[in-house]
Amino acid sequence: MRYPAACINVSTKTTLIMFEILMYLFESYFDAGSYPEPDKLSRKLSAAGFEGEEIDEALTWLSALKQQNPDNYPASLEHAGMRHFAELELQRIGFEARQFLLFAEQQHMISAVEREMILDRAVALHQENLGLDKLKLIMLMVLWNRHQNLDPLLIEELLTPLNSAQLH
């Protein structure tokens, strides 16, 4: 994977706020099918109380998300055997989150390509031991960004821990 090009260096506080921004985007724009373009989105996030640097970090992360193209991944991914995580992925993504990601793929909730897209966006946060609740939000954002018809049960599964526990 090309992690360095898509990585951003964010503090833990900024990462937490980024997840608040992602949740805000999903809650505010899911029914519309997409969130506004960066300039308009920046103004809306600012009006919602988010700060400039935090907005910039989130917009950078979202820009890299929008640039992800499934055609850039080898077709052989869909027919590969077991996925082994790289050392960087093991450091950045917690055990429970990695297990859920593999489970989601085995249950055909996501494809192998989507798994790689989710891993890319998770690693890009530069956070150690990313938890399951945060990985689920990343997963939701990747799937939503791909404009897939999201099964309401999948949305509920991905959001339930986020609604029952604060991200702070």
Protein backbone atom coordinates (compact mmCIF):
# COMPACT_ATOMS: atom_id res chain seq x y z
CA MET A 1 0.00 0.00 0.00
CA ARG A 2 1.05 3.60 -0.51
CA TYR A 3 0.48 4.79 3.04
CA PRO A 4 3.03 7.63 3.20
CA ALA A 5 1.46 9.59 0.34
CA ALA A 6 -1.99 9.46 1.91
CA CYS A 7 -0.89 9.88 5.52
CA ILE A 8 -1.43 12.96 7.56
CA ASN A 9 0.28 13.68 10.84
CA VAL A 10 -2.36 14.49 13.40
CA SER A 11 -2.36 14.71 17.17
CA THR A 12 -4.59 12.51 19.30
CA LYS A 13 -6.86 15.48 20.08
CA THR A 14 -7.15 16.35 16.40
CA THR A 15 -7.87 12.69 15.60
CA LEU A 16 -10.72 12.66 18.11
CA ILE A 17 -12.14 15.84 16.64
CA MET A 18 -11.77 14.37 13.16
CA PHE A 19 -14.02 11.49 14.21
CA GLU A 20 -16.52 14.03 15.53
CA ILE A 21 -16.40 15.75 12.12
CA LEU A 22 -16.87 12.44 10.28
CA MET A 23 -19.84 11.57 12.49
CA TYR A 24 -21.27 15.06 11.93
CA LEU A 25 -20.93 14.61 8.15
CA PHE A 26 -22.65 11.27 8.17
CA GLU A 27 -25.49 12.44 10.40
CA SER A 28 -25.96 15.69 8.48
CA TYR A 29 -25.56 14.53 4.89
CA PHE A 30 -26.38 10.81 4.69
CA ASP A 31 -29.88 11.42 3.34
CA ALA A 32 -28.46 13.77 0.71
CA GLY A 33 -26.14 11.00 -0.50
CA SER A 34 -22.94 13.04 -0.25
CA TYR A 35 -21.38 15.91 1.62
CA PRO A 36 -20.72 19.34 0.02
CA GLU A 37 -17.60 20.32 -1.86
CA PRO A 38 -14.59 21.34 0.32
CA ASP A 39 -15.14 25.12 0.33
CA LYS A 40 -18.80 24.89 1.27
CA LEU A 41 -18.11 22.05 3.69
CA SER A 42 -15.40 24.08 5.40
CA ARG A 43 -17.85 26.93 5.99
CA LYS A 44 -20.53 24.57 7.29
CA LEU A 45 -18.08 22.85 9.66
CA SER A 46 -16.89 26.21 10.91
CA ALA A 47 -20.48 27.29 11.51
CA ALA A 48 -21.03 24.02 13.41
CA GLY A 49 -18.22 25.02 15.80
CA PHE A 50 -15.22 23.14 14.43
CA GLU A 51 -11.89 25.00 14.21
CA GLY A 52 -9.78 25.82 11.14
CA GLU A 53 -6.88 23.40 11.61
CA GLU A 54 -9.22 20.56 12.54
CA ILE A 55 -11.35 21.27 9.48
CA ASP A 56 -8.25 21.34 7.25
CA GLU A 57 -7.06 17.97 8.61
CA ALA A 58 -10.51 16.43 8.05
CA LEU A 59 -10.75 17.87 4.54
CA THR A 60 -7.30 16.46 3.70
CA TRP A 61 -8.39 13.02 4.96
CA LEU A 62 -11.67 13.24 3.02
CA SER A 63 -9.84 14.36 -0.13
CA ALA A 64 -7.64 11.27 0.01
CA LEU A 65 -10.76 9.18 0.60
CA LYS A 66 -12.43 10.62 -2.52
CA GLN A 67 -9.29 9.90 -4.55
CA GLN A 68 -9.40 6.21 -3.73
CA ASN A 69 -10.20 4.24 -6.86
CA PRO A 70 -11.07 0.53 -6.71
CA ASP A 71 -9.50 0.09 -10.16
CA ASN A 72 -6.09 0.92 -8.65
CA TYR A 73 -6.17 -2.31 -6.65
CA PRO A 74 -5.23 -5.63 -8.24
CA ALA A 75 -8.17 -7.80 -9.30
CA SER A 76 -6.39 -10.74 -7.68
CA LEU A 77 -7.28 -9.30 -4.24
CA GLU A 78 -10.75 -10.79 -4.54
CA HIS A 79 -9.29 -14.26 -4.96
CA ALA A 80 -6.41 -14.05 -2.52
CA GLY A 81 -6.13 -16.26 0.53
CA MET A 82 -5.78 -15.01 4.08
CA ARG A 83 -4.86 -11.36 4.65
CA HIS A 84 -1.75 -10.80 6.77
CA PHE A 85 -1.33 -7.37 8.27
CA ALA A 86 1.84 -5.34 7.79
CA GLU A 87 3.74 -4.21 10.88
CA LEU A 88 2.49 -0.64 10.43
CA GLU A 89 -1.11 -1.88 10.28
CA LEU A 90 -0.58 -3.95 13.43
CA GLN A 91 0.68 -0.83 15.24
CA ARG A 92 -2.02 1.49 14.01
CA ILE A 93 -5.12 -0.71 14.15
CA GLY A 94 -6.19 -2.48 17.33
CA PHE A 95 -6.73 -6.25 17.50
CA GLU A 96 -10.52 -6.03 17.89
CA ALA A 97 -10.76 -3.64 14.93
CA ARG A 98 -8.62 -5.91 12.72
CA GLN A 99 -10.75 -8.92 13.69
CA PHE A 100 -13.94 -7.05 12.84
CA LEU A 101 -12.54 -5.99 9.48
CA LEU A 102 -11.72 -9.60 8.57
CA PHE A 103 -15.13 -10.73 9.86
CA ALA A 104 -16.87 -8.09 7.71
CA GLU A 105 -15.05 -9.35 4.64
CA GLN A 106 -15.79 -13.01 5.42
CA GLN A 107 -19.47 -12.15 5.84
CA HIS A 108 -19.46 -10.27 2.50
CA MET A 109 -20.28 -6.97 4.16
CA ILE A 110 -17.23 -5.55 2.35
CA SER A 111 -15.03 -6.69 -0.51
CA ALA A 112 -11.28 -7.25 -0.35
CA VAL A 113 -10.76 -3.95 -2.19
CA GLU A 114 -12.97 -2.11 0.29
CA ARG A 115 -11.00 -3.72 3.12
CA GLU A 116 -7.81 -2.26 1.64
CA MET A 117 -9.43 1.16 1.26
CA ILE A 118 -10.53 1.05 4.91
CA LEU A 119 -7.03 0.02 6.00
CA ASP A 120 -5.53 2.88 3.98
CA ARG A 121 -7.74 5.49 5.65
CA ALA A 122 -7.21 3.98 9.11
CA VAL A 123 -3.43 3.94 8.79
CA ALA A 124 -3.46 7.48 7.40
CA LEU A 125 -4.57 8.79 10.79
CA HIS A 126 -1.22 8.01 12.44
CA GLN A 127 -3.03 6.84 15.56
CA GLU A 128 -1.72 3.90 17.55
CA ASN A 129 -4.09 1.03 18.32
CA LEU A 130 -7.16 2.44 16.57
CA GLY A 131 -10.27 1.11 18.28
CA LEU A 132 -13.22 -0.76 16.86
CA ASP A 133 -15.65 2.16 17.13
CA LYS A 134 -13.36 4.39 15.09
CA LEU A 135 -12.67 1.69 12.50
CA LYS A 136 -16.42 1.20 12.07
CA LEU A 137 -16.85 4.91 11.37
CA ILE A 138 -14.01 4.77 8.82
CA MET A 139 -15.69 1.74 7.25
CA LEU A 140 -18.98 3.62 7.08
CA MET A 141 -17.31 6.63 5.45
CA VAL A 142 -15.51 4.46 2.85
CA LEU A 143 -18.71 2.63 1.92
CA TRP A 144 -20.75 5.84 1.84
CA ASN A 145 -18.08 7.54 -0.29
CA ARG A 146 -18.35 4.70 -2.79
CA HIS A 147 -22.06 5.61 -3.12
CA GLN A 148 -23.19 2.13 -2.30
CA ASN A 149 -26.69 1.40 -1.16
CA LEU A 150 -25.96 0.76 2.47
CA ASP A 151 -28.07 -1.87 4.16
CA PRO A 152 -29.84 -0.30 7.15
CA LEU A 153 -28.72 -3.23 9.33
CA LEU A 154 -25.10 -2.61 8.33
CA ILE A 155 -25.46 1.08 9.18
CA GLU A 156 -26.93 0.15 12.55
CA GLU A 157 -24.07 -2.28 13.22
CA LEU A 158 -21.47 0.31 12.32
CA LEU A 159 -23.09 3.09 14.36
CA THR A 160 -24.34 1.29 17.46
CA PRO A 161 -21.14 1.55 19.55
CA LEU A 162 -20.74 5.16 18.47
CA ASN A 163 -24.20 6.05 19.70
CA SER A 164 -23.84 4.20 23.00
CA ALA A 165 -20.39 5.54 23.94
CA GLN A 166 -18.77 8.93 23.54
CA LEU A 167 -15.72 9.21 21.26
CA HIS A 168 -14.03 11.60 23.70
